[in-house]
Amino acid sequence: MMINIKLVFYGYISEQIGLGKKEINSTLDLQFEDGSSVQDVIIYISEAYPGFREIGLKKGTSDLSWNMAILLNGSICSRDSFCSTILNDDDKLVLIPVYAGG
């Protein structure tokens, strides 16, 4: 069985991965196997959009870079739970670049 996932990229991520320049965000409607995890989506993004590997992953790994945050249905998804967080039909994942400065 397949589940539907809404994947939203905020900030510069859309342009960097080749989805075009967007003012606020880009949204993809995707399907994954039932039982898929947040980590499965991260791996999919890195394979489908090679530009994401450059900006979104720690070099040489499938681990999310520290300059990215993921929200699952509006709540921050802990990095420790990416592999164990199983997605449900109609979940919404949002990737947000993390900014720092003063």
PDB file of N, CA and C in Angstrom:
ATOM      1  N   MET A   1       0.852  -1.183   0.000  1.00  0.00           N
ATOM      2  CA  MET A   1       0.000   0.000   0.000  1.00  0.00           C
ATOM      3  C   MET A   1       0.891   1.237   0.000  1.00  0.00           C
ATOM      4  N   MET A   2       0.443   2.242  -0.674  1.00  0.00           N
ATOM      5  CA  MET A   2       1.191   3.502  -0.770  1.00  0.00           C
ATOM      6  C   MET A   2       0.533   4.561   0.109  1.00  0.00           C
ATOM      7  N   ILE A   3       1.373   5.481   0.612  1.00  0.00           N
ATOM      8  CA  ILE A   3       0.870   6.623   1.366  1.00  0.00           C
ATOM      9  C   ILE A   3       1.269   7.899   0.634  1.00  0.00           C
ATOM     10  N   ASN A   4       0.468   8.938   0.796  1.00  0.00           N
ATOM     11  CA  ASN A   4       0.720  10.230   0.178  1.00  0.00           C
ATOM     12  C   ASN A   4       1.393  11.143   1.194  1.00  0.00           C
ATOM     13  N   ILE A   5       2.455  11.801   0.749  1.00  0.00           N
ATOM     14  CA  ILE A   5       3.218  12.726   1.592  1.00  0.00           C
ATOM     15  C   ILE A   5       3.317  14.055   0.867  1.00  0.00           C
ATOM     16  N   LYS A   6       3.116  15.119   1.597  1.00  0.00           N
ATOM     17  CA  LYS A   6       3.351  16.460   1.056  1.00  0.00           C
ATOM     18  C   LYS A   6       4.716  16.902   1.574  1.00  0.00           C
ATOM     19  N   LEU A   7       5.606  17.277   0.659  1.00  0.00           N
ATOM     20  CA  LEU A   7       6.960  17.688   1.014  1.00  0.00           C
ATOM     21  C   LEU A   7       7.138  19.140   0.613  1.00  0.00           C
ATOM     22  N   VAL A   8       7.489  19.984   1.578  1.00  0.00           N
ATOM     23  CA  VAL A   8       7.605  21.420   1.340  1.00  0.00           C
ATOM     24  C   VAL A   8       9.046  21.850   1.595  1.00  0.00           C
ATOM     25  N   PHE A   9       9.619  22.578   0.651  1.00  0.00           N
ATOM     26  CA  PHE A   9      10.970  23.134   0.782  1.00  0.00           C
ATOM     27  C   PHE A   9      10.863  24.641   0.971  1.00  0.00           C
ATOM     28  N   TYR A  10      11.445  25.167   2.021  1.00  0.00           N
ATOM     29  CA  TYR A  10      11.420  26.606   2.276  1.00  0.00           C
ATOM     30  C   TYR A  10      12.757  27.244   1.945  1.00  0.00           C
ATOM     31  N   GLY A  11      12.717  28.555   1.762  1.00  0.00           N
ATOM     32  CA  GLY A  11      13.933  29.331   1.559  1.00  0.00           C
ATOM     33  C   GLY A  11      14.650  28.973   0.274  1.00  0.00           C
ATOM     34  N   TYR A  12      15.978  28.999   0.353  1.00  0.00           N
ATOM     35  CA  TYR A  12      16.810  28.796  -0.828  1.00  0.00           C
ATOM     36  C   TYR A  12      16.846  27.343  -1.302  1.00  0.00           C
ATOM     37  N   ILE A  13      16.282  26.416  -0.555  1.00  0.00           N
ATOM     38  CA  ILE A  13      16.380  24.997  -0.898  1.00  0.00           C
ATOM     39  C   ILE A  13      15.784  24.728  -2.280  1.00  0.00           C
ATOM     40  N   SER A  14      14.628  25.288  -2.587  1.00  0.00           N
ATOM     41  CA  SER A  14      13.963  25.052  -3.879  1.00  0.00           C
ATOM     42  C   SER A  14      14.877  25.350  -5.050  1.00  0.00           C
ATOM     43  N   GLU A  15      15.501  26.498  -5.017  1.00  0.00           N
ATOM     44  CA  GLU A  15      16.371  26.894  -6.119  1.00  0.00           C
ATOM     45  C   GLU A  15      17.625  26.018  -6.173  1.00  0.00           C
ATOM     46  N   GLN A  16      18.184  25.717  -5.024  1.00  0.00           N
ATOM     47  CA  GLN A  16      19.422  24.936  -4.969  1.00  0.00           C
ATOM     48  C   GLN A  16      19.248  23.503  -5.474  1.00  0.00           C
ATOM     49  N   ILE A  17      18.064  22.946  -5.328  1.00  0.00           N
ATOM     50  CA  ILE A  17      17.874  21.565  -5.775  1.00  0.00           C
ATOM     51  C   ILE A  17      17.258  21.473  -7.166  1.00  0.00           C
ATOM     52  N   GLY A  18      17.039  22.637  -7.797  1.00  0.00           N
ATOM     53  CA  GLY A  18      16.598  22.624  -9.182  1.00  0.00           C
ATOM     54  C   GLY A  18      15.102  22.697  -9.404  1.00  0.00           C
ATOM     55  N   LEU A  19      14.345  23.102  -8.388  1.00  0.00           N
ATOM     56  CA  LEU A  19      12.899  23.235  -8.559  1.00  0.00           C
ATOM     57  C   LEU A  19      12.515  24.626  -9.050  1.00  0.00           C
ATOM     58  N   GLY A  20      13.488  25.475  -9.261  1.00  0.00           N
ATOM     59  CA  GLY A  20      13.219  26.824  -9.727  1.00  0.00           C
ATOM     60  C   GLY A  20      13.167  27.799  -8.580  1.00  0.00           C
ATOM     61  N   LYS A  21      13.276  29.060  -8.911  1.00  0.00           N
ATOM     62  CA  LYS A  21      13.267  30.100  -7.889  1.00  0.00           C
ATOM     63  C   LYS A  21      11.836  30.341  -7.418  1.00  0.00           C
ATOM     64  N   LYS A  22      11.643  30.213  -6.139  1.00  0.00           N
ATOM     65  CA  LYS A  22      10.327  30.432  -5.552  1.00  0.00           C
ATOM     66  C   LYS A  22      10.450  31.529  -4.505  1.00  0.00           C
ATOM     67  N   GLU A  23       9.415  32.318  -4.369  1.00  0.00           N
ATOM     68  CA  GLU A  23       9.442  33.400  -3.400  1.00  0.00           C
ATOM     69  C   GLU A  23       9.433  32.892  -1.967  1.00  0.00           C
ATOM     70  N   ILE A  24       8.621  31.870  -1.693  1.00  0.00           N
ATOM     71  CA  ILE A  24       8.495  31.396  -0.313  1.00  0.00           C
ATOM     72  C   ILE A  24       8.823  29.919  -0.207  1.00  0.00           C
ATOM     73  N   ASN A  25       8.182  29.084  -1.024  1.00  0.00           N
ATOM     74  CA  ASN A  25       8.398  27.637  -0.897  1.00  0.00           C
ATOM     75  C   ASN A  25       8.015  26.900  -2.166  1.00  0.00           C
ATOM     76  N   SER A  26       8.410  25.621  -2.197  1.00  0.00           N
ATOM     77  CA  SER A  26       7.999  24.696  -3.256  1.00  0.00           C
ATOM     78  C   SER A  26       7.400  23.484  -2.585  1.00  0.00           C
ATOM     79  N   THR A  27       6.359  22.930  -3.182  1.00  0.00           N
ATOM     80  CA  THR A  27       5.686  21.772  -2.602  1.00  0.00           C
ATOM     81  C   THR A  27       5.648  20.633  -3.615  1.00  0.00           C
ATOM     82  N   LEU A  28       5.955  19.427  -3.129  1.00  0.00           N
ATOM     83  CA  LEU A  28       5.853  18.220  -3.934  1.00  0.00           C
ATOM     84  C   LEU A  28       4.862  17.282  -3.270  1.00  0.00           C
ATOM     85  N   ASP A  29       4.020  16.650  -4.061  1.00  0.00           N
ATOM     86  CA  ASP A  29       3.142  15.589  -3.571  1.00  0.00           C
ATOM     87  C   ASP A  29       3.763  14.274  -4.010  1.00  0.00           C
ATOM     88  N   LEU A  30       4.139  13.447  -3.034  1.00  0.00           N
ATOM     89  CA  LEU A  30       4.868  12.205  -3.303  1.00  0.00           C
ATOM     90  C   LEU A  30       4.149  11.004  -2.719  1.00  0.00           C
ATOM     91  N   GLN A  31       4.491   9.840  -3.225  1.00  0.00           N
ATOM     92  CA  GLN A  31       3.972   8.593  -2.671  1.00  0.00           C
ATOM     93  C   GLN A  31       5.137   7.720  -2.214  1.00  0.00           C
ATOM     94  N   PHE A  32       4.951   7.107  -1.045  1.00  0.00           N
ATOM     95  CA  PHE A  32       5.941   6.203  -0.473  1.00  0.00           C
ATOM     96  C   PHE A  32       5.241   4.937  -0.024  1.00  0.00           C
ATOM     97  N   GLU A  33       6.017   3.881   0.114  1.00  0.00           N
ATOM     98  CA  GLU A  33       5.497   2.621   0.646  1.00  0.00           C
ATOM     99  C   GLU A  33       5.020   2.830   2.072  1.00  0.00           C
ATOM    100  N   ASP A  34       3.924   2.185   2.429  1.00  0.00           N
ATOM    101  CA  ASP A  34       3.464   2.188   3.817  1.00  0.00           C
ATOM    102  C   ASP A  34       4.604   1.675   4.690  1.00  0.00           C
ATOM    103  N   GLY A  35       4.853   2.322   5.816  1.00  0.00           N
ATOM    104  CA  GLY A  35       5.944   1.932   6.706  1.00  0.00           C
ATOM    105  C   GLY A  35       7.216   2.726   6.477  1.00  0.00           C
ATOM    106  N   SER A  36       7.198   3.670   5.523  1.00  0.00           N
ATOM    107  CA  SER A  36       8.375   4.498   5.254  1.00  0.00           C
ATOM    108  C   SER A  36       8.622   5.469   6.398  1.00  0.00           C
ATOM    109  N   SER A  37       9.888   5.807   6.586  1.00  0.00           N
ATOM    110  CA  SER A  37      10.287   6.707   7.674  1.00  0.00           C
ATOM    111  C   SER A  37      10.717   8.061   7.120  1.00  0.00           C
ATOM    112  N   VAL A  38      10.934   9.001   8.026  1.00  0.00           N
ATOM    113  CA  VAL A  38      11.465  10.310   7.650  1.00  0.00           C
ATOM    114  C   VAL A  38      12.813  10.124   6.949  1.00  0.00           C
ATOM    115  N   GLN A  39      13.645   9.212   7.452  1.00  0.00           N
ATOM    116  CA  GLN A  39      14.948   8.953   6.828  1.00  0.00           C
ATOM    117  C   GLN A  39      14.789   8.463   5.395  1.00  0.00           C
ATOM    118  N   ASP A  40      13.767   7.662   5.127  1.00  0.00           N
ATOM    119  CA  ASP A  40      13.514   7.202   3.758  1.00  0.00           C
ATOM    120  C   ASP A  40      13.246   8.384   2.828  1.00  0.00           C
ATOM    121  N   VAL A  41      12.545   9.392   3.317  1.00  0.00           N
ATOM    122  CA  VAL A  41      12.264  10.579   2.510  1.00  0.00           C
ATOM    123  C   VAL A  41      13.553  11.354   2.268  1.00  0.00           C
ATOM    124  N   ILE A  42      14.393  11.491   3.283  1.00  0.00           N
ATOM    125  CA  ILE A  42      15.671  12.187   3.132  1.00  0.00           C
ATOM    126  C   ILE A  42      16.519  11.493   2.057  1.00  0.00           C
ATOM    127  N   ILE A  43      16.562  10.171   2.106  1.00  0.00           N
ATOM    128  CA  ILE A  43      17.327   9.418   1.111  1.00  0.00           C
ATOM    129  C   ILE A  43      16.733   9.624  -0.283  1.00  0.00           C
ATOM    130  N   TYR A  44      15.404   9.577  -0.390  1.00  0.00           N
ATOM    131  CA  TYR A  44      14.749   9.802  -1.674  1.00  0.00           C
ATOM    132  C   TYR A  44      15.122  11.183  -2.229  1.00  0.00           C
ATOM    133  N   ILE A  45      15.036  12.218  -1.403  1.00  0.00           N
ATOM    134  CA  ILE A  45      15.343  13.577  -1.861  1.00  0.00           C
ATOM    135  C   ILE A  45      16.773  13.648  -2.378  1.00  0.00           C
ATOM    136  N   SER A  46      17.699  13.038  -1.642  1.00  0.00           N
ATOM    137  CA  SER A  46      19.104  13.110  -2.045  1.00  0.00           C
ATOM    138  C   SER A  46      19.370  12.361  -3.346  1.00  0.00           C
ATOM    139  N   GLU A  47      18.587  11.337  -3.642  1.00  0.00           N
ATOM    140  CA  GLU A  47      18.742  10.599  -4.896  1.00  0.00           C
ATOM    141  C   GLU A  47      18.030  11.293  -6.052  1.00  0.00           C
ATOM    142  N   ALA A  48      16.840  11.813  -5.800  1.00  0.00           N
ATOM    143  CA  ALA A  48      16.047  12.450  -6.857  1.00  0.00           C
ATOM    144  C   ALA A  48      16.532  13.858  -7.193  1.00  0.00           C
ATOM    145  N   TYR A  49      17.123  14.532  -6.226  1.00  0.00           N
ATOM    146  CA  TYR A  49      17.573  15.915  -6.390  1.00  0.00           C
ATOM    147  C   TYR A  49      19.019  16.023  -5.907  1.00  0.00           C
ATOM    148  N   PRO A  50      19.985  15.705  -6.790  1.00  0.00           N
ATOM    149  CA  PRO A  50      21.391  15.697  -6.381  1.00  0.00           C
ATOM    150  C   PRO A  50      21.867  16.996  -5.732  1.00  0.00           C
ATOM    151  N   GLY A  51      21.261  18.110  -6.093  1.00  0.00           N
ATOM    152  CA  GLY A  51      21.644  19.379  -5.464  1.00  0.00           C
ATOM    153  C   GLY A  51      21.394  19.382  -3.970  1.00  0.00           C
ATOM    154  N   PHE A  52      20.465  18.551  -3.513  1.00  0.00           N
ATOM    155  CA  PHE A  52      20.165  18.481  -2.082  1.00  0.00           C
ATOM    156  C   PHE A  52      21.339  17.885  -1.321  1.00  0.00           C
ATOM    157  N   ARG A  53      22.064  16.952  -1.953  1.00  0.00           N
ATOM    158  CA  ARG A  53      23.234  16.358  -1.286  1.00  0.00           C
ATOM    159  C   ARG A  53      24.242  17.425  -0.892  1.00  0.00           C
ATOM    160  N   GLU A  54      24.389  18.415  -1.759  1.00  0.00           N
ATOM    161  CA  GLU A  54      25.365  19.477  -1.516  1.00  0.00           C
ATOM    162  C   GLU A  54      24.982  20.376  -0.347  1.00  0.00           C
ATOM    163  N   ILE A  55      23.709  20.687  -0.232  1.00  0.00           N
ATOM    164  CA  ILE A  55      23.285  21.652   0.788  1.00  0.00           C
ATOM    165  C   ILE A  55      22.593  21.027   1.987  1.00  0.00           C
ATOM    166  N   GLY A  56      22.074  19.798   1.831  1.00  0.00           N
ATOM    167  CA  GLY A  56      21.232  19.245   2.882  1.00  0.00           C
ATOM    168  C   GLY A  56      21.787  18.076   3.659  1.00  0.00           C
ATOM    169  N   LEU A  57      22.892  17.480   3.161  1.00  0.00           N
ATOM    170  CA  LEU A  57      23.429  16.307   3.841  1.00  0.00           C
ATOM    171  C   LEU A  57      24.841  16.558   4.338  1.00  0.00           C
ATOM    172  N   LYS A  58      25.192  15.875   5.423  1.00  0.00           N
ATOM    173  CA  LYS A  58      26.581  15.887   5.862  1.00  0.00           C
ATOM    174  C   LYS A  58      27.392  15.178   4.793  1.00  0.00           C
ATOM    175  N   LYS A  59      28.548  15.716   4.470  1.00  0.00           N
ATOM    176  CA  LYS A  59      29.366  15.213   3.368  1.00  0.00           C
ATOM    177  C   LYS A  59      29.613  13.706   3.475  1.00  0.00           C
ATOM    178  N   GLY A  60      29.284  12.990   2.393  1.00  0.00           N
ATOM    179  CA  GLY A  60      29.543  11.565   2.301  1.00  0.00           C
ATOM    180  C   GLY A  60      28.598  10.676   3.090  1.00  0.00           C
ATOM    181  N   THR A  61      27.475  11.230   3.577  1.00  0.00           N
ATOM    182  CA  THR A  61      26.527  10.440   4.364  1.00  0.00           C
ATOM    183  C   THR A  61      25.109  10.688   3.862  1.00  0.00           C
ATOM    184  N   SER A  62      24.151   9.987   4.457  1.00  0.00           N
ATOM    185  CA  SER A  62      22.734  10.279   4.199  1.00  0.00           C
ATOM    186  C   SER A  62      22.118  10.953   5.419  1.00  0.00           C
ATOM    187  N   ASP A  63      22.982  11.546   6.267  1.00  0.00           N
ATOM    188  CA  ASP A  63      22.526  12.254   7.466  1.00  0.00           C
ATOM    189  C   ASP A  63      22.240  13.710   7.128  1.00  0.00           C
ATOM    190  N   LEU A  64      21.138  14.206   7.637  1.00  0.00           N
ATOM    191  CA  LEU A  64      20.753  15.596   7.401  1.00  0.00           C
ATOM    192  C   LEU A  64      21.787  16.538   7.999  1.00  0.00           C
ATOM    193  N   SER A  65      22.142  17.550   7.244  1.00  0.00           N
ATOM    194  CA  SER A  65      23.100  18.559   7.692  1.00  0.00           C
ATOM    195  C   SER A  65      22.513  19.365   8.856  1.00  0.00           C
ATOM    196  N   TRP A  66      23.400  19.925   9.656  1.00  0.00           N
ATOM    197  CA  TRP A  66      22.953  20.733  10.802  1.00  0.00           C
ATOM    198  C   TRP A  66      22.314  22.043  10.377  1.00  0.00           C
ATOM    199  N   ASN A  67      22.465  22.403   9.100  1.00  0.00           N
ATOM    200  CA  ASN A  67      21.853  23.660   8.647  1.00  0.00           C
ATOM    201  C   ASN A  67      20.450  23.463   8.088  1.00  0.00           C
ATOM    202  N   MET A  68      19.847  22.287   8.357  1.00  0.00           N
ATOM    203  CA  MET A  68      18.484  21.980   7.935  1.00  0.00           C
ATOM    204  C   MET A  68      17.667  21.503   9.126  1.00  0.00           C
ATOM    205  N   ALA A  69      16.397  21.846   9.115  1.00  0.00           N
ATOM    206  CA  ALA A  69      15.460  21.333  10.122  1.00  0.00           C
ATOM    207  C   ALA A  69      14.270  20.718   9.387  1.00  0.00           C
ATOM    208  N   ILE A  70      13.663  19.707  10.007  1.00  0.00           N
ATOM    209  CA  ILE A  70      12.473  19.076   9.433  1.00  0.00           C
ATOM    210  C   ILE A  70      11.321  19.181  10.417  1.00  0.00           C
ATOM    211  N   LEU A  71      10.190  19.617   9.895  1.00  0.00           N
ATOM    212  CA  LEU A  71       8.959  19.616  10.676  1.00  0.00           C
ATOM    213  C   LEU A  71       8.057  18.530  10.113  1.00  0.00           C
ATOM    214  N   LEU A  72       7.441  17.777  10.988  1.00  0.00           N
ATOM    215  CA  LEU A  72       6.473  16.762  10.602  1.00  0.00           C
ATOM    216  C   LEU A  72       5.127  17.192  11.146  1.00  0.00           C
ATOM    217  N   ASN A  73       4.221  17.528  10.260  1.00  0.00           N
ATOM    218  CA  ASN A  73       2.882  17.994  10.644  1.00  0.00           C
ATOM    219  C   ASN A  73       2.953  19.144  11.643  1.00  0.00           C
ATOM    220  N   GLY A  74       3.911  20.054  11.415  1.00  0.00           N
ATOM    221  CA  GLY A  74       4.016  21.261  12.222  1.00  0.00           C
ATOM    222  C   GLY A  74       4.885  21.169  13.461  1.00  0.00           C
ATOM    223  N   SER A  75       5.426  19.995  13.776  1.00  0.00           N
ATOM    224  CA  SER A  75       6.280  19.827  14.956  1.00  0.00           C
ATOM    225  C   SER A  75       7.687  19.445  14.515  1.00  0.00           C
ATOM    226  N   ILE A  76       8.680  19.979  15.209  1.00  0.00           N
ATOM    227  CA  ILE A  76      10.065  19.656  14.879  1.00  0.00           C
ATOM    228  C   ILE A  76      10.295  18.164  15.053  1.00  0.00           C
ATOM    229  N   CYS A  77      10.909  17.569  14.060  1.00  0.00           N
ATOM    230  CA  CYS A  77      11.224  16.142  14.084  1.00  0.00           C
ATOM    231  C   CYS A  77      12.670  15.998  14.557  1.00  0.00           C
ATOM    232  N   SER A  78      12.860  15.328  15.652  1.00  0.00           N
ATOM    233  CA  SER A  78      14.181  15.135  16.238  1.00  0.00           C
ATOM    234  C   SER A  78      15.065  14.314  15.318  1.00  0.00           C
ATOM    235  N   ARG A  79      16.326  14.714  15.178  1.00  0.00           N
ATOM    236  CA  ARG A  79      17.282  13.968  14.356  1.00  0.00           C
ATOM    237  C   ARG A  79      17.451  12.540  14.847  1.00  0.00           C
ATOM    238  N   ASP A  80      17.300  12.336  16.135  1.00  0.00           N
ATOM    239  CA  ASP A  80      17.443  10.995  16.713  1.00  0.00           C
ATOM    240  C   ASP A  80      16.304  10.064  16.312  1.00  0.00           C
ATOM    241  N   SER A  81      15.216  10.638  15.804  1.00  0.00           N
ATOM    242  CA  SER A  81      14.049   9.802  15.505  1.00  0.00           C
ATOM    243  C   SER A  81      13.751   9.670  14.017  1.00  0.00           C
ATOM    244  N   PHE A  82      14.623  10.170  13.136  1.00  0.00           N
ATOM    245  CA  PHE A  82      14.357  10.111  11.698  1.00  0.00           C
ATOM    246  C   PHE A  82      14.095   8.679  11.230  1.00  0.00           C
ATOM    247  N   CYS A  83      14.904   7.731  11.699  1.00  0.00           N
ATOM    248  CA  CYS A  83      14.768   6.345  11.237  1.00  0.00           C
ATOM    249  C   CYS A  83      13.550   5.658  11.842  1.00  0.00           C
ATOM    250  N   SER A  84      13.178   6.071  13.051  1.00  0.00           N
ATOM    251  CA  SER A  84      12.077   5.383  13.738  1.00  0.00           C
ATOM    252  C   SER A  84      10.725   6.072  13.556  1.00  0.00           C
ATOM    253  N   THR A  85      10.714   7.268  13.015  1.00  0.00           N
ATOM    254  CA  THR A  85       9.449   7.980  12.815  1.00  0.00           C
ATOM    255  C   THR A  85       8.812   7.499  11.516  1.00  0.00           C
ATOM    256  N   ILE A  86       7.764   6.700  11.657  1.00  0.00           N
ATOM    257  CA  ILE A  86       7.051   6.142  10.507  1.00  0.00           C
ATOM    258  C   ILE A  86       5.992   7.146  10.046  1.00  0.00           C
ATOM    259  N   LEU A  87       5.961   7.363   8.755  1.00  0.00           N
ATOM    260  CA  LEU A  87       5.030   8.327   8.181  1.00  0.00           C
ATOM    261  C   LEU A  87       3.660   7.704   7.961  1.00  0.00           C
ATOM    262  N   ASN A  88       2.652   8.560   8.020  1.00  0.00           N
ATOM    263  CA  ASN A  88       1.267   8.151   7.787  1.00  0.00           C
ATOM    264  C   ASN A  88       0.737   8.853   6.548  1.00  0.00           C
ATOM    265  N   ASP A  89      -0.331   8.322   6.000  1.00  0.00           N
ATOM    266  CA  ASP A  89      -0.958   8.919   4.842  1.00  0.00           C
ATOM    267  C   ASP A  89      -1.314  10.371   5.128  1.00  0.00           C
ATOM    268  N   ASP A  90      -1.016  11.236   4.175  1.00  0.00           N
ATOM    269  CA  ASP A  90      -1.303  12.674   4.225  1.00  0.00           C
ATOM    270  C   ASP A  90      -0.454  13.435   5.228  1.00  0.00           C
ATOM    271  N   ASP A  91       0.690  12.871   5.653  1.00  0.00           N
ATOM    272  CA  ASP A  91       1.620  13.634   6.491  1.00  0.00           C
ATOM    273  C   ASP A  91       2.246  14.744   5.658  1.00  0.00           C
ATOM    274  N   LYS A  92       2.685  15.787   6.358  1.00  0.00           N
ATOM    275  CA  LYS A  92       3.338  16.919   5.710  1.00  0.00           C
ATOM    276  C   LYS A  92       4.721  17.095   6.329  1.00  0.00           C
ATOM    277  N   LEU A  93       5.749  16.982   5.490  1.00  0.00           N
ATOM    278  CA  LEU A  93       7.130  17.213   5.918  1.00  0.00           C
ATOM    279  C   LEU A  93       7.584  18.541   5.343  1.00  0.00           C
ATOM    280  N   VAL A  94       8.198  19.372   6.187  1.00  0.00           N
ATOM    281  CA  VAL A  94       8.697  20.665   5.755  1.00  0.00           C
ATOM    282  C   VAL A  94      10.192  20.720   6.039  1.00  0.00           C
ATOM    283  N   LEU A  95      10.989  21.040   5.024  1.00  0.00           N
ATOM    284  CA  LEU A  95      12.426  21.240   5.191  1.00  0.00           C
ATOM    285  C   LEU A  95      12.703  22.725   5.213  1.00  0.00           C
ATOM    286  N   ILE A  96      13.362  23.152   6.278  1.00  0.00           N
ATOM    287  CA  ILE A  96      13.640  24.577   6.491  1.00  0.00           C
ATOM    288  C   ILE A  96      15.129  24.763   6.707  1.00  0.00           C
ATOM    289  N   PRO A  97      15.731  25.712   5.985  1.00  0.00           N
ATOM    290  CA  PRO A  97      17.128  26.011   6.282  1.00  0.00           C
ATOM    291  C   PRO A  97      17.224  26.729   7.632  1.00  0.00           C
ATOM    292  N   VAL A  98      18.239  26.375   8.395  1.00  0.00           N
ATOM    293  CA  VAL A  98      18.440  26.997   9.701  1.00  0.00           C
ATOM    294  C   VAL A  98      19.401  28.166   9.509  1.00  0.00           C
ATOM    295  N   TYR A  99      19.003  29.313  10.016  1.00  0.00           N
ATOM    296  CA  TYR A  99      19.828  30.512   9.904  1.00  0.00           C
ATOM    297  C   TYR A  99      20.321  30.911  11.291  1.00  0.00           C
ATOM    298  N   ALA A 100      21.505  31.485  11.330  1.00  0.00           N
ATOM    299  CA  ALA A 100      22.056  32.002  12.579  1.00  0.00           C
ATOM    300  C   ALA A 100      22.733  33.319  12.278  1.00  0.00           C
ATOM    301  N   GLY A 101      22.878  34.103  13.275  1.00  0.00           N
ATOM    302  CA  GLY A 101      23.547  35.368  13.086  1.00  0.00           C
ATOM    303  C   GLY A 101      23.063  36.407  14.077  1.00  0.00           C
ATOM    304  N   GLY A 102      23.525  37.560  13.903  1.00  0.00           N
ATOM    305  CA  GLY A 102      23.151  38.590  14.852  1.00  0.00           C
ATOM    306  C   GLY A 102      23.006  39.918  14.221  1.00  0.00           C
TER     307      GLY A 102
END
